[in-house]
Amino acid sequence: MEKKVSRLRWQMDHVFWYDLLLITIIMAIALCLYGLPVLFTPDEGRYAEIAREMVVNHQYIVPHLDGVIYFEKPPMIYWLTALSLKIFGFNIWAARLPNPVLSIIGVWFVYIVCRIVYQKRRVSLWAALITGTSILYLGGGRYLNLDAGVAFFLTITMLSFWASRQYRQTSWQANIWLLNAFIFSGLAVMTKGLIGIVFPMMIIGLWALIVGRYRLLLDYRLYLGLIVVLIISVPWIVAVNNEHPEFFHYYVIVQQILRYATDEQGRQMSKFVYFGIFIIGFFPWFGFLPQVFKSVLTKLKTRKQHDNEWFLFVWGMAILLFFAFSKSILMGYLIPVIIPFAILIARRIDNLLNESTLRKSTKASIIVALVFFVIIAIAFVILPFIPNFAMFFNEIAGFYWPAAVVSLITAIAGFIYLKRNNLKAIMLWFVCAMMIILNLGWSGSQYFAQKSVRPLTNIVAPLLKTYPHAIVANYGGYYYDAQFYLDRLTWIVANEGELANTAKMPNSGADKTLRTADQFWPVWRSDRRVFVFTDENNYNAYFKAGQPYQGYLLAETPKRFLLTNHPLAESAFMHGA
């Protein structure tokens, strides 16, 4: 394809802007209930609390979790979350806001770069819609953790590099897009560490070797780009290391290298499950993955002439296989894989839409998705009847049964349009269905989050107005979300958890909140007011009536208990009411 001086400007008519508006509306609707559930622990409670402490303490360089230094990850998502909390207040909607916003911007970039590469509206629009409605991208985009954030920055990095290759390499457009790639690579490093630069360089290097673009490896701009990444990422590392000299070893060696090479985090996943999540993560578009793989691999001998397709394929496969050999894997690690394969799926669908009669392979791809919609409908109907969740039967049914109806209607409509060979109508049904199902499924998921202490903090929060100097403690575990809901630090007793390593460092802040059982019990028996969250095992062993440290039970959930060490004054109940 000819490399024009301007590949985008001539396309930026009113249709271009209408498409971006349409994409924004669809994604906004698909994500609109993102703040409804409680914060899921540990991830969401942890990252919301780190951001809250940044705002409260005006300390944005060294992250703290419940007053203790926290060196597991770099601060980009903490900063974005803190900014949101600063603007919109300490609430769940504000805490989760950055990732939905980044997800929408990511889909914009997919559309814009595909317009640059393919010069076609339809394939670009479908690429954006398939990306935005794939279950893993749409689900991860509403969840407060670092995986969706680093996926966004890595995606913009790779899309920007890809866009730069569409122009003459001496043009200012190519240089601007390449600079943009390295800026976002630096931001990816500031989100989750070394993978922010390792992945882009690995993907670019592999692609250059596979398609025979060896001269690219000698392009000095790639190496100058590393300076951009260093300028963005190194100052924060230096600043933290100046305050805490132990930081560099722990952050780089322990968290960046050992985490990949060892199972010290206890996050191993079977390869069968891992690749299963990869496939299902593209639902409802996953049926087209075999066609995509076949289409790309059949062009192996002519890969240099099809270097755009091979760039996307290498991009997705490099990350997929990288984590397949990691000793530490989480579902969110696969989010960066969604976009390259989504674009390839869009290319495939764009070709299929030109055919008047659907092929058998296309029908099979659609039938797989439609059957899965039926399975989802059945699962959603059954969920409220599971004994563990029976107490929330009405609430769960209120969200999941309408989602089941939508799933079933989508399946029925899909089979009808399949019979009519109307692929476009089926695709539009998929988009609309995912917008509804993900909102309802996400909203109802809060009733499965039985480890959250949110219901208990709703009780203790008004009591703290009567007892403002009371101690709030977690006994036998760290429940992560109490601090954010109560807007205060809590003691962590008899279980340091993930804070154990950094707590041992000098000036860690551990003395503020970490306590042993021997330190806690004298305070519990003193005249000072203490509220404690604990689990069933510790409740039965220590706090239950007849046990050595019997307390006054204020409330309980299926997994958590709230107690205090002295009877409450009548005025406290009135205040709470």
Protein backbone atom coordinates (compact mmCIF):
# COMPACT_ATOMS: atom_id res chain seq x y z
CA MET A 1 0.00 0.00 0.00
CA GLU A 2 1.31 3.45 -0.91
CA LYS A 3 2.58 5.44 2.03
CA LYS A 4 0.90 8.82 1.70
CA VAL A 5 2.05 11.96 3.44
CA SER A 6 -1.38 12.25 5.02
CA ARG A 7 -3.34 9.06 5.62
CA LEU A 8 -5.82 10.39 8.15
CA ARG A 9 -6.54 14.06 7.48
CA TRP A 10 -8.54 13.45 4.29
CA GLN A 11 -10.73 10.94 6.16
CA MET A 12 -11.62 13.30 9.01
CA ASP A 13 -15.02 14.29 7.68
CA HIS A 14 -18.30 14.45 9.60
CA VAL A 15 -18.67 10.64 9.33
CA PHE A 16 -15.33 10.17 11.09
CA TRP A 17 -16.47 12.30 14.04
CA TYR A 18 -19.92 10.65 14.07
CA ASP A 19 -18.21 7.29 14.36
CA LEU A 20 -16.14 8.43 17.33
CA LEU A 21 -19.30 9.81 18.94
CA LEU A 22 -21.12 6.53 18.30
CA ILE A 23 -18.24 4.54 19.78
CA THR A 24 -18.21 6.80 22.82
CA ILE A 25 -21.96 6.42 23.37
CA ILE A 26 -21.84 2.64 23.02
CA MET A 27 -18.91 2.31 25.42
CA ALA A 28 -20.42 4.79 27.89
CA ILE A 29 -23.65 2.78 27.97
CA ALA A 30 -21.75 -0.52 28.19
CA LEU A 31 -19.80 0.79 31.21
CA CYS A 32 -22.50 2.97 32.78
CA LEU A 33 -23.05 0.86 35.92
CA TYR A 34 -19.35 0.44 36.67
CA GLY A 35 -19.61 2.05 40.13
CA LEU A 36 -22.59 0.10 41.42
CA PRO A 37 -20.98 -2.92 43.15
CA VAL A 38 -18.89 -2.73 46.29
CA LEU A 39 -15.12 -2.63 45.91
CA PHE A 40 -13.89 -6.15 45.28
CA THR A 41 -11.07 -7.25 47.53
CA PRO A 42 -8.17 -7.44 47.58
CA ASP A 43 -7.37 -5.53 44.37
CA GLU A 44 -9.95 -2.76 44.33
CA GLY A 45 -9.86 -2.14 48.05
CA ARG A 46 -6.07 -1.97 47.97
CA TYR A 47 -5.71 0.46 45.08
CA ALA A 48 -8.56 2.71 46.18
CA GLU A 49 -7.00 2.97 49.64
CA ILE A 50 -3.51 3.76 48.30
CA ALA A 51 -5.00 6.58 46.23
CA ARG A 52 -7.06 7.83 49.20
CA GLU A 53 -3.96 8.01 51.40
CA MET A 54 -2.13 9.95 48.68
CA VAL A 55 -4.88 12.57 48.67
CA VAL A 56 -5.24 12.73 52.46
CA ASN A 57 -1.50 12.88 53.20
CA HIS A 58 -0.47 14.91 50.12
CA GLN A 59 2.18 12.22 49.59
CA TYR A 60 2.21 11.24 45.92
CA ILE A 61 5.74 9.87 45.56
CA VAL A 62 5.87 6.99 48.05
CA PRO A 63 2.71 4.85 47.98
CA HIS A 64 1.32 3.73 51.33
CA LEU A 65 -1.26 1.08 52.14
CA ASP A 66 -2.87 1.51 55.55
CA GLY A 67 0.04 3.72 56.54
CA VAL A 68 2.74 1.22 55.47
CA ILE A 69 5.01 1.80 52.46
CA TYR A 70 3.85 -0.20 49.46
CA PHE A 71 6.45 -0.95 46.79
CA GLU A 72 4.74 -3.66 44.76
CA LYS A 73 3.89 -1.49 41.74
CA PRO A 74 4.61 1.95 40.25
CA PRO A 75 2.13 4.76 40.83
CA MET A 76 0.45 5.73 37.53
CA ILE A 77 -2.96 4.18 38.29
CA TYR A 78 -2.69 5.38 41.91
CA TRP A 79 -2.13 8.90 40.60
CA LEU A 80 -5.07 8.75 38.18
CA THR A 81 -7.30 7.31 40.90
CA ALA A 82 -6.13 9.97 43.38
CA LEU A 83 -6.93 12.68 40.81
CA SER A 84 -10.41 11.26 40.37
CA LEU A 85 -10.94 11.10 44.15
CA LYS A 86 -9.68 14.65 44.49
CA ILE A 87 -12.18 15.89 41.91
CA PHE A 88 -15.22 13.72 42.64
CA GLY A 89 -14.78 12.78 46.29
CA PHE A 90 -14.10 9.55 48.18
CA ASN A 91 -16.63 7.17 46.63
CA ILE A 92 -16.63 3.99 44.56
CA TRP A 93 -17.64 5.72 41.31
CA ALA A 94 -14.67 8.07 41.54
CA ALA A 95 -12.26 5.30 42.57
CA ARG A 96 -13.12 3.16 39.56
CA LEU A 97 -13.43 5.99 37.03
CA PRO A 98 -9.90 5.97 35.48
CA ASN A 99 -10.11 2.51 33.90
CA PRO A 100 -13.49 3.07 32.17
CA VAL A 101 -12.14 6.35 30.77
CA LEU A 102 -8.93 4.68 29.59
CA SER A 103 -10.94 1.85 28.03
CA ILE A 104 -13.01 4.29 25.98
CA ILE A 105 -9.91 6.19 24.83
CA GLY A 106 -8.32 2.86 23.89
CA VAL A 107 -11.24 2.07 21.59
CA TRP A 108 -10.91 5.55 20.03
CA PHE A 109 -7.30 4.79 19.21
CA VAL A 110 -8.25 1.45 17.67
CA TYR A 111 -10.65 3.22 15.33
CA ILE A 112 -8.24 6.06 14.44
CA VAL A 113 -5.21 3.85 13.78
CA CYS A 114 -7.24 1.35 11.76
CA ARG A 115 -8.42 4.26 9.60
CA ILE A 116 -4.76 5.16 9.06
CA VAL A 117 -3.71 1.60 8.26
CA TYR A 118 -6.65 0.26 6.25
CA GLN A 119 -8.15 3.50 4.91
CA LYS A 120 -11.58 1.92 5.35
CA ARG A 121 -14.37 3.02 7.63
CA ARG A 122 -16.15 -0.30 8.06
CA VAL A 123 -13.22 -2.40 9.21
CA SER A 124 -12.15 0.40 11.59
CA LEU A 125 -15.61 0.68 13.13
CA TRP A 126 -15.91 -3.06 13.57
CA ALA A 127 -12.43 -3.24 15.09
CA ALA A 128 -13.47 -0.67 17.69
CA LEU A 129 -16.81 -2.36 18.43
CA ILE A 130 -15.34 -5.87 18.65
CA THR A 131 -12.62 -4.62 20.99
CA GLY A 132 -15.06 -2.70 23.17
CA THR A 133 -17.58 -5.53 23.51
CA SER A 134 -15.19 -8.46 24.03
CA ILE A 135 -16.01 -9.75 27.49
CA LEU A 136 -12.48 -9.51 28.92
CA TYR A 137 -11.89 -5.95 27.67
CA LEU A 138 -15.33 -4.73 28.70
CA GLY A 139 -15.21 -6.54 32.03
CA GLY A 140 -11.66 -5.47 32.86
CA GLY A 141 -12.41 -1.90 31.88
CA ARG A 142 -14.70 -1.36 34.84
CA TYR A 143 -12.47 -2.99 37.46
CA LEU A 144 -10.00 -0.99 39.56
CA ASN A 145 -6.65 -2.67 39.14
CA LEU A 146 -3.45 -2.18 37.19
CA ASP A 147 -4.05 -4.73 34.43
CA ALA A 148 -6.57 -2.69 32.43
CA GLY A 149 -4.39 0.38 32.91
CA VAL A 150 -1.18 -1.19 31.64
CA ALA A 151 -3.15 -2.82 28.81
CA PHE A 152 -4.26 0.65 27.72
CA PHE A 153 -0.77 2.15 27.74
CA LEU A 154 0.75 -0.88 26.00
CA THR A 155 -2.02 -0.81 23.41
CA ILE A 156 -1.47 2.85 22.59
CA THR A 157 2.26 2.13 22.39
CA MET A 158 1.80 -0.63 19.82
CA LEU A 159 -0.93 1.14 17.86
CA SER A 160 1.24 4.26 17.64
CA PHE A 161 4.23 2.26 16.40
CA TRP A 162 1.97 0.53 13.86
CA ALA A 163 0.63 3.88 12.70
CA SER A 164 4.19 5.22 12.31
CA ARG A 165 4.97 2.40 9.88
CA GLN A 166 2.24 3.58 7.49
CA TYR A 167 4.12 6.79 6.62
CA ARG A 168 7.42 7.47 4.94
CA GLN A 169 9.89 6.98 7.73
CA THR A 170 11.46 10.39 7.14
CA SER A 171 8.11 12.19 7.50
CA TRP A 172 7.11 14.17 10.56
CA GLN A 173 3.97 12.05 10.92
CA ALA A 174 6.04 8.89 11.33
CA ASN A 175 8.25 10.57 13.90
CA ILE A 176 5.30 11.97 15.88
CA TRP A 177 3.59 8.58 16.05
CA LEU A 178 6.85 6.93 17.07
CA LEU A 179 7.43 9.53 19.77
CA ASN A 180 3.89 8.90 20.98
CA ALA A 181 4.66 5.18 21.15
CA PHE A 182 7.60 5.73 23.47
CA ILE A 183 5.74 8.24 25.63
CA PHE A 184 3.02 5.68 26.25
CA SER A 185 5.62 2.98 26.76
CA GLY A 186 7.07 5.14 29.53
CA LEU A 187 3.60 5.50 31.03
CA ALA A 188 3.19 1.71 30.83
CA VAL A 189 6.44 1.35 32.79
CA MET A 190 4.99 3.78 35.32
CA THR A 191 1.90 1.57 35.56
CA LYS A 192 3.34 -1.90 35.96
CA GLY A 193 7.07 -1.83 35.56
CA LEU A 194 9.48 -3.29 33.03
CA ILE A 195 6.89 -4.98 30.83
CA GLY A 196 6.00 -1.48 29.65
CA ILE A 197 9.19 -1.41 27.56
CA VAL A 198 10.05 -5.14 27.38
CA PHE A 199 6.83 -6.01 25.56
CA PRO A 200 7.04 -3.31 22.86
CA MET A 201 10.70 -4.00 22.11
CA MET A 202 10.12 -7.77 22.14
CA ILE A 203 7.14 -7.49 19.78
CA ILE A 204 8.83 -5.06 17.40
CA GLY A 205 12.01 -7.17 17.32
CA LEU A 206 10.18 -10.45 16.70
CA TRP A 207 8.00 -8.90 14.01
CA ALA A 208 11.02 -7.39 12.22
CA LEU A 209 12.76 -10.76 12.23
CA ILE A 210 9.71 -12.77 11.15
CA VAL A 211 8.73 -10.54 8.21
CA GLY A 212 12.32 -9.84 7.21
CA ARG A 213 12.40 -6.14 8.09
CA TYR A 214 15.92 -6.45 9.45
CA ARG A 215 16.85 -2.82 8.80
CA LEU A 216 14.23 -1.80 11.36
CA LEU A 217 16.45 -3.26 14.07
CA LEU A 218 19.10 -0.70 13.12
CA ASP A 219 16.71 2.25 13.25
CA TYR A 220 18.38 4.64 15.69
CA ARG A 221 14.99 6.13 16.64
CA LEU A 222 14.05 2.94 18.47
CA TYR A 223 17.07 3.34 20.71
CA LEU A 224 16.57 7.08 21.16
CA GLY A 225 13.04 6.18 22.21
CA LEU A 226 14.47 4.32 25.18
CA ILE A 227 15.72 7.67 26.43
CA VAL A 228 12.14 8.95 26.37
CA VAL A 229 11.04 5.96 28.44
CA LEU A 230 13.85 6.57 30.93
CA ILE A 231 13.02 10.28 31.23
CA ILE A 232 9.43 9.37 32.12
CA SER A 233 10.08 6.46 34.48
CA VAL A 234 13.44 6.92 36.19
CA PRO A 235 12.77 10.13 38.20
CA TRP A 236 10.11 8.43 40.29
CA ILE A 237 12.38 5.45 41.01
CA VAL A 238 15.21 7.78 42.06
CA ALA A 239 12.87 9.86 44.24
CA VAL A 240 11.54 6.82 46.11
CA ASN A 241 14.99 5.26 46.42
CA ASN A 242 16.33 8.45 47.95
CA GLU A 243 13.79 8.11 50.76
CA HIS A 244 13.99 4.31 51.01
CA PRO A 245 17.32 2.82 49.79
CA GLU A 246 15.84 -0.70 49.95
CA PHE A 247 13.31 0.20 47.28
CA PHE A 248 15.31 -0.49 44.11
CA HIS A 249 16.18 -4.10 44.99
CA TYR A 250 12.67 -4.90 46.16
CA TYR A 251 10.92 -3.19 43.23
CA VAL A 252 13.18 -4.35 40.38
CA ILE A 253 14.53 -7.71 41.54
CA VAL A 254 11.74 -9.07 43.73
CA GLN A 255 8.67 -7.61 42.06
CA GLN A 256 9.76 -7.43 38.41
CA ILE A 257 12.00 -10.48 37.94
CA LEU A 258 11.29 -13.02 40.69
CA ARG A 259 7.56 -12.49 40.31
CA TYR A 260 7.78 -13.75 36.73
CA ALA A 261 10.34 -16.49 37.36
CA THR A 262 8.96 -17.93 40.62
CA ASP A 263 5.60 -18.78 42.16
CA GLU A 264 6.23 -16.71 45.27
CA GLN A 265 2.87 -14.98 44.78
CA GLY A 266 0.97 -18.28 44.60
CA ARG A 267 -0.61 -17.33 41.28
CA GLN A 268 0.14 -20.29 39.07
CA MET A 269 -2.55 -21.28 36.59
CA SER A 270 -2.83 -24.43 34.52
CA LYS A 271 -2.11 -23.92 30.82
CA PHE A 272 -5.52 -25.38 29.99
CA VAL A 273 -7.28 -22.74 32.08
CA TYR A 274 -4.98 -20.01 30.79
CA PHE A 275 -5.66 -20.68 27.11
CA GLY A 276 -9.34 -21.25 27.92
CA ILE A 277 -9.55 -17.75 29.40
CA PHE A 278 -7.78 -16.41 26.30
CA ILE A 279 -10.46 -17.88 24.06
CA ILE A 280 -13.48 -17.02 26.21
CA GLY A 281 -12.08 -13.51 26.74
CA PHE A 282 -13.14 -12.71 23.16
CA PHE A 283 -16.77 -13.75 23.69
CA PRO A 284 -19.00 -13.26 21.71
CA TRP A 285 -16.43 -12.99 18.91
CA PHE A 286 -14.30 -15.99 19.90
CA GLY A 287 -15.78 -18.22 17.21
CA PHE A 288 -13.83 -16.27 14.60
CA LEU A 289 -10.43 -16.94 16.22
CA PRO A 290 -9.80 -20.20 14.27
CA GLN A 291 -10.49 -18.36 11.00
CA VAL A 292 -8.10 -15.60 12.05
CA PHE A 293 -5.32 -18.04 12.89
CA LYS A 294 -5.84 -19.94 9.64
CA SER A 295 -5.91 -16.73 7.58
CA VAL A 296 -2.64 -15.45 9.05
CA LEU A 297 -0.75 -18.73 9.06
CA THR A 298 -1.65 -19.52 5.44
CA LYS A 299 0.20 -16.31 4.53
CA LEU A 300 3.40 -17.47 6.20
CA LYS A 301 5.33 -17.64 2.94
CA THR A 302 4.09 -14.20 1.86
CA ARG A 303 4.27 -12.65 5.32
CA LYS A 304 6.37 -9.72 4.13
CA GLN A 305 3.56 -8.68 1.78
CA HIS A 306 1.06 -9.08 4.65
CA ASP A 307 3.18 -7.45 7.32
CA ASN A 308 0.24 -5.58 8.89
CA GLU A 309 -1.58 -8.81 9.66
CA TRP A 310 1.61 -10.38 10.92
CA PHE A 311 2.33 -7.38 13.13
CA LEU A 312 -1.01 -7.87 14.88
CA PHE A 313 -0.49 -11.63 15.11
CA VAL A 314 3.02 -11.33 16.57
CA TRP A 315 1.81 -8.62 18.97
CA GLY A 316 -0.94 -10.86 20.37
CA MET A 317 0.98 -14.14 20.36
CA ALA A 318 4.13 -12.69 21.95
CA ILE A 319 2.22 -11.50 25.02
CA LEU A 320 0.08 -14.65 25.15
CA LEU A 321 3.10 -16.95 25.12
CA PHE A 322 5.13 -14.73 27.46
CA PHE A 323 2.61 -15.14 30.25
CA ALA A 324 2.01 -18.80 29.39
CA PHE A 325 5.51 -19.50 30.74
CA SER A 326 5.19 -17.16 33.72
CA LYS A 327 4.99 -18.57 37.22
CA SER A 328 2.59 -15.78 38.19
CA ILE A 329 -0.58 -15.40 36.11
CA LEU A 330 -3.84 -13.56 36.60
CA MET A 331 -6.79 -13.26 34.24
CA GLY A 332 -6.19 -9.55 33.68
CA TYR A 333 -2.76 -10.24 32.17
CA LEU A 334 -4.57 -11.25 28.97
CA ILE A 335 -6.29 -7.89 28.41
CA PRO A 336 -3.40 -6.55 26.23
CA VAL A 337 -3.95 -9.51 23.89
CA ILE A 338 -7.54 -8.53 23.06
CA ILE A 339 -6.96 -5.60 20.70
CA PRO A 340 -4.58 -7.11 18.10
CA PHE A 341 -6.78 -10.18 17.67
CA ALA A 342 -9.95 -8.05 17.73
CA ILE A 343 -8.58 -6.08 14.77
CA LEU A 344 -7.79 -9.32 12.95
CA ILE A 345 -11.33 -10.55 13.67
CA ALA A 346 -12.70 -7.25 12.32
CA ARG A 347 -10.67 -7.72 9.14
CA ARG A 348 -12.12 -11.19 8.77
CA ILE A 349 -15.68 -10.03 9.37
CA ASP A 350 -15.22 -7.14 6.95
CA ASN A 351 -14.40 -9.66 4.21
CA LEU A 352 -17.28 -11.94 5.18
CA LEU A 353 -19.79 -9.07 5.02
CA ASN A 354 -19.13 -8.87 1.28
CA GLU A 355 -20.43 -12.41 0.77
CA SER A 356 -24.12 -12.95 0.03
CA THR A 357 -24.14 -16.47 1.51
CA LEU A 358 -22.41 -17.42 4.73
CA ARG A 359 -19.80 -20.13 4.58
CA LYS A 360 -19.98 -23.19 6.80
CA SER A 361 -17.00 -21.96 8.81
CA THR A 362 -18.71 -18.61 9.40
CA LYS A 363 -21.93 -20.30 10.48
CA ALA A 364 -19.95 -22.51 12.85
CA SER A 365 -18.24 -19.43 14.35
CA ILE A 366 -21.62 -17.82 14.98
CA ILE A 367 -23.30 -20.98 16.29
CA VAL A 368 -20.56 -21.39 18.92
CA ALA A 369 -21.32 -17.90 20.23
CA LEU A 370 -25.09 -18.43 20.13
CA VAL A 371 -24.81 -21.69 22.06
CA PHE A 372 -22.69 -19.87 24.63
CA PHE A 373 -25.41 -17.22 24.97
CA VAL A 374 -27.85 -20.05 25.77
CA ILE A 375 -25.44 -21.48 28.36
CA ILE A 376 -25.11 -18.03 29.93
CA ALA A 377 -28.89 -17.67 30.07
CA ILE A 378 -29.21 -21.02 31.88
CA ALA A 379 -26.39 -20.13 34.30
CA PHE A 380 -27.96 -16.76 35.10
CA VAL A 381 -31.29 -18.42 35.90
CA ILE A 382 -29.64 -20.96 38.20
CA LEU A 383 -27.32 -18.59 40.11
CA PRO A 384 -29.87 -17.23 42.63
CA PHE A 385 -30.74 -20.79 43.69
CA ILE A 386 -27.19 -21.62 44.83
CA PRO A 387 -27.48 -22.13 48.63
CA ASN A 388 -24.50 -19.91 49.49
CA PHE A 389 -26.24 -16.93 47.92
CA ALA A 390 -29.83 -17.72 48.87
CA MET A 391 -30.02 -14.77 51.27
CA PHE A 392 -29.66 -12.45 48.25
CA PHE A 393 -32.08 -14.37 46.04
CA ASN A 394 -34.21 -11.37 45.07
CA GLU A 395 -31.26 -9.07 44.44
CA ILE A 396 -29.35 -11.60 42.34
CA ALA A 397 -32.44 -12.60 40.40
CA GLY A 398 -33.23 -8.93 39.81
CA PHE A 399 -29.99 -8.51 37.87
CA TYR A 400 -29.30 -11.94 36.40
CA TRP A 401 -32.73 -12.99 35.21
CA PRO A 402 -33.11 -9.95 32.93
CA ALA A 403 -29.59 -10.70 31.69
CA ALA A 404 -30.72 -14.29 31.03
CA VAL A 405 -33.66 -13.01 29.00
CA VAL A 406 -31.36 -10.79 26.93
CA SER A 407 -28.97 -13.71 26.37
CA LEU A 408 -31.77 -16.02 25.29
CA ILE A 409 -33.35 -13.45 22.97
CA THR A 410 -29.93 -12.80 21.43
CA ALA A 411 -29.48 -16.51 20.78
CA ILE A 412 -32.93 -16.84 19.22
CA ALA A 413 -32.47 -13.72 17.07
CA GLY A 414 -29.03 -14.95 16.07
CA PHE A 415 -30.36 -18.27 14.80
CA ILE A 416 -33.12 -16.47 12.88
CA TYR A 417 -30.69 -14.11 11.17
CA LEU A 418 -28.26 -16.96 10.60
CA LYS A 419 -30.92 -18.69 8.57
CA ARG A 420 -31.30 -15.49 6.55
CA ASN A 421 -27.51 -15.19 6.04
CA ASN A 422 -27.61 -11.76 7.69
CA LEU A 423 -24.22 -11.53 9.37
CA LYS A 424 -24.43 -7.78 9.97
CA ALA A 425 -27.65 -8.10 11.99
CA ILE A 426 -26.09 -10.85 14.11
CA MET A 427 -23.05 -8.70 14.82
CA LEU A 428 -25.24 -5.78 15.88
CA TRP A 429 -27.21 -8.08 18.20
CA PHE A 430 -23.92 -9.16 19.76
CA VAL A 431 -22.87 -5.55 20.39
CA CYS A 432 -26.20 -4.58 21.96
CA ALA A 433 -26.40 -7.77 24.04
CA MET A 434 -22.94 -7.29 25.52
CA MET A 435 -23.77 -3.71 26.49
CA ILE A 436 -26.71 -4.95 28.56
CA ILE A 437 -25.42 -8.29 29.85
CA LEU A 438 -22.11 -6.95 31.17
CA ASN A 439 -23.84 -4.12 33.02
CA LEU A 440 -26.35 -6.46 34.67
CA GLY A 441 -23.81 -9.19 35.36
CA TRP A 442 -21.34 -6.75 36.87
CA SER A 443 -23.98 -5.06 39.03
CA GLY A 444 -25.22 -8.37 40.42
CA SER A 445 -21.72 -9.62 41.14
CA GLN A 446 -21.55 -7.55 44.33
CA TYR A 447 -23.74 -10.14 46.06
CA PHE A 448 -21.00 -12.74 45.57
CA ALA A 449 -18.40 -10.46 47.22
CA GLN A 450 -19.01 -11.88 50.66
CA LYS A 451 -15.53 -10.98 51.90
CA SER A 452 -16.29 -7.28 51.66
CA VAL A 453 -16.83 -5.40 54.92
CA ARG A 454 -18.91 -2.69 53.24
CA PRO A 455 -22.16 -3.67 55.03
CA LEU A 456 -20.29 -3.55 58.35
CA THR A 457 -18.63 -0.20 57.68
CA ASN A 458 -22.10 1.23 57.06
CA ILE A 459 -22.81 0.35 60.71
CA VAL A 460 -19.55 1.44 62.28
CA ALA A 461 -19.19 4.72 60.35
CA PRO A 462 -21.97 6.55 62.23
CA LEU A 463 -20.74 5.08 65.53
CA LEU A 464 -17.37 6.71 64.96
CA LYS A 465 -19.12 10.08 65.21
CA THR A 466 -19.90 9.21 68.84
CA TYR A 467 -16.50 7.59 69.39
CA PRO A 468 -14.15 9.62 67.15
CA HIS A 469 -11.02 8.39 68.96
CA ALA A 470 -11.95 4.72 68.77
CA ILE A 471 -9.55 2.20 67.28
CA VAL A 472 -10.78 0.23 64.26
CA ALA A 473 -8.93 -3.05 63.77
CA ASN A 474 -8.82 -6.06 61.45
CA TYR A 475 -8.07 -9.18 63.48
CA GLY A 476 -6.48 -12.20 61.82
CA GLY A 477 -6.59 -10.75 58.33
CA TYR A 478 -6.45 -7.56 56.31
CA TYR A 479 -9.81 -6.89 54.69
CA TYR A 480 -8.55 -4.05 52.47
CA ASP A 481 -11.74 -2.04 51.91
CA ALA A 482 -12.58 -0.86 55.46
CA GLN A 483 -10.04 1.97 55.35
CA PHE A 484 -11.45 3.45 52.15
CA TYR A 485 -15.08 3.32 53.30
CA LEU A 486 -14.27 4.76 56.73
CA ASP A 487 -11.74 7.30 55.43
CA ARG A 488 -9.23 6.37 58.13
CA LEU A 489 -6.41 3.93 58.86
CA THR A 490 -7.14 0.71 60.72
CA TRP A 491 -5.00 -1.62 62.77
CA ILE A 492 -3.97 -4.90 61.15
CA VAL A 493 -3.61 -7.47 63.91
CA ALA A 494 -1.92 -10.88 63.80
CA ASN A 495 -1.67 -11.00 60.01
CA GLU A 496 0.60 -8.62 58.10
CA GLY A 497 -0.16 -10.31 54.79
CA GLU A 498 1.46 -8.69 51.76
CA LEU A 499 2.75 -5.83 53.92
CA ALA A 500 5.15 -8.16 55.75
CA ASN A 501 8.15 -7.50 53.47
CA THR A 502 8.02 -3.73 53.33
CA ALA A 503 6.99 -3.50 57.00
CA LYS A 504 10.48 -4.69 57.95
CA MET A 505 12.15 -1.79 56.12
CA PRO A 506 13.28 1.29 58.06
CA ASN A 507 10.70 4.08 58.31
CA SER A 508 8.06 1.81 56.82
CA GLY A 509 5.19 3.25 58.83
CA ALA A 510 4.39 -0.18 60.24
CA ASP A 511 4.27 1.22 63.75
CA LYS A 512 1.12 3.17 62.83
CA THR A 513 -1.12 0.21 62.05
CA LEU A 514 0.54 -3.21 62.35
CA ARG A 515 0.04 -4.97 65.68
CA THR A 516 0.71 -8.42 67.05
CA ALA A 517 -1.96 -10.23 69.04
CA ASP A 518 0.04 -9.61 72.22
CA GLN A 519 -0.05 -5.88 71.52
CA PHE A 520 -3.75 -5.89 70.69
CA TRP A 521 -5.33 -7.78 73.59
CA PRO A 522 -4.35 -5.33 76.36
CA VAL A 523 -5.94 -2.52 74.33
CA TRP A 524 -9.05 -4.65 73.75
CA ARG A 525 -9.38 -5.14 77.51
CA SER A 526 -8.70 -1.50 78.30
CA ASP A 527 -11.24 1.30 78.65
CA ARG A 528 -10.50 2.51 75.16
CA ARG A 529 -13.23 1.93 72.57
CA VAL A 530 -12.26 -0.63 69.90
CA PHE A 531 -14.22 -1.83 66.88
CA VAL A 532 -12.90 -4.96 65.22
CA PHE A 533 -13.58 -6.78 61.95
CA THR A 534 -12.77 -10.47 61.95
CA ASP A 535 -13.59 -13.74 60.21
CA GLU A 536 -15.55 -16.73 61.43
CA ASN A 537 -12.56 -18.74 62.66
CA ASN A 538 -11.18 -15.92 64.79
CA TYR A 539 -14.64 -14.96 65.99
CA ASN A 540 -15.27 -18.47 67.27
CA ALA A 541 -11.78 -18.78 68.77
CA TYR A 542 -11.56 -15.43 70.58
CA PHE A 543 -14.58 -13.13 70.45
CA LYS A 544 -17.64 -15.36 70.73
CA ALA A 545 -19.57 -15.48 73.99
CA GLY A 546 -17.67 -17.67 76.46
CA GLN A 547 -14.30 -17.17 74.75
CA PRO A 548 -11.33 -15.45 76.48
CA TYR A 549 -11.77 -12.09 74.75
CA GLN A 550 -15.52 -12.05 74.39
CA GLY A 551 -16.83 -8.99 72.57
CA TYR A 552 -20.17 -7.44 71.74
CA LEU A 553 -21.35 -8.51 68.30
CA LEU A 554 -22.76 -5.57 66.37
CA ALA A 555 -23.35 -7.16 62.98
CA GLU A 556 -22.22 -9.96 60.71
CA THR A 557 -22.15 -11.01 57.06
CA PRO A 558 -21.62 -14.58 55.79
CA LYS A 559 -17.84 -14.12 56.03
CA ARG A 560 -17.17 -11.20 58.36
CA PHE A 561 -18.07 -10.09 61.91
CA LEU A 562 -18.11 -6.65 63.52
CA LEU A 563 -17.60 -6.41 67.30
CA THR A 564 -16.75 -3.90 69.95
CA ASN A 565 -15.16 -4.33 73.36
CA HIS A 566 -17.72 -2.44 75.48
CA PRO A 567 -21.49 -2.00 75.35
CA LEU A 568 -22.57 0.95 73.25
CA ALA A 569 -24.08 4.02 74.87
CA GLU A 570 -27.71 4.67 74.00
CA SER A 571 -26.68 7.95 72.38
CA ALA A 572 -24.47 5.99 69.97
CA PHE A 573 -27.50 4.11 68.67
CA MET A 574 -29.38 7.34 68.27
CA HIS A 575 -26.43 8.86 66.44
CA GLY A 576 -26.19 5.81 64.23
CA ALA A 577 -29.87 5.98 63.40
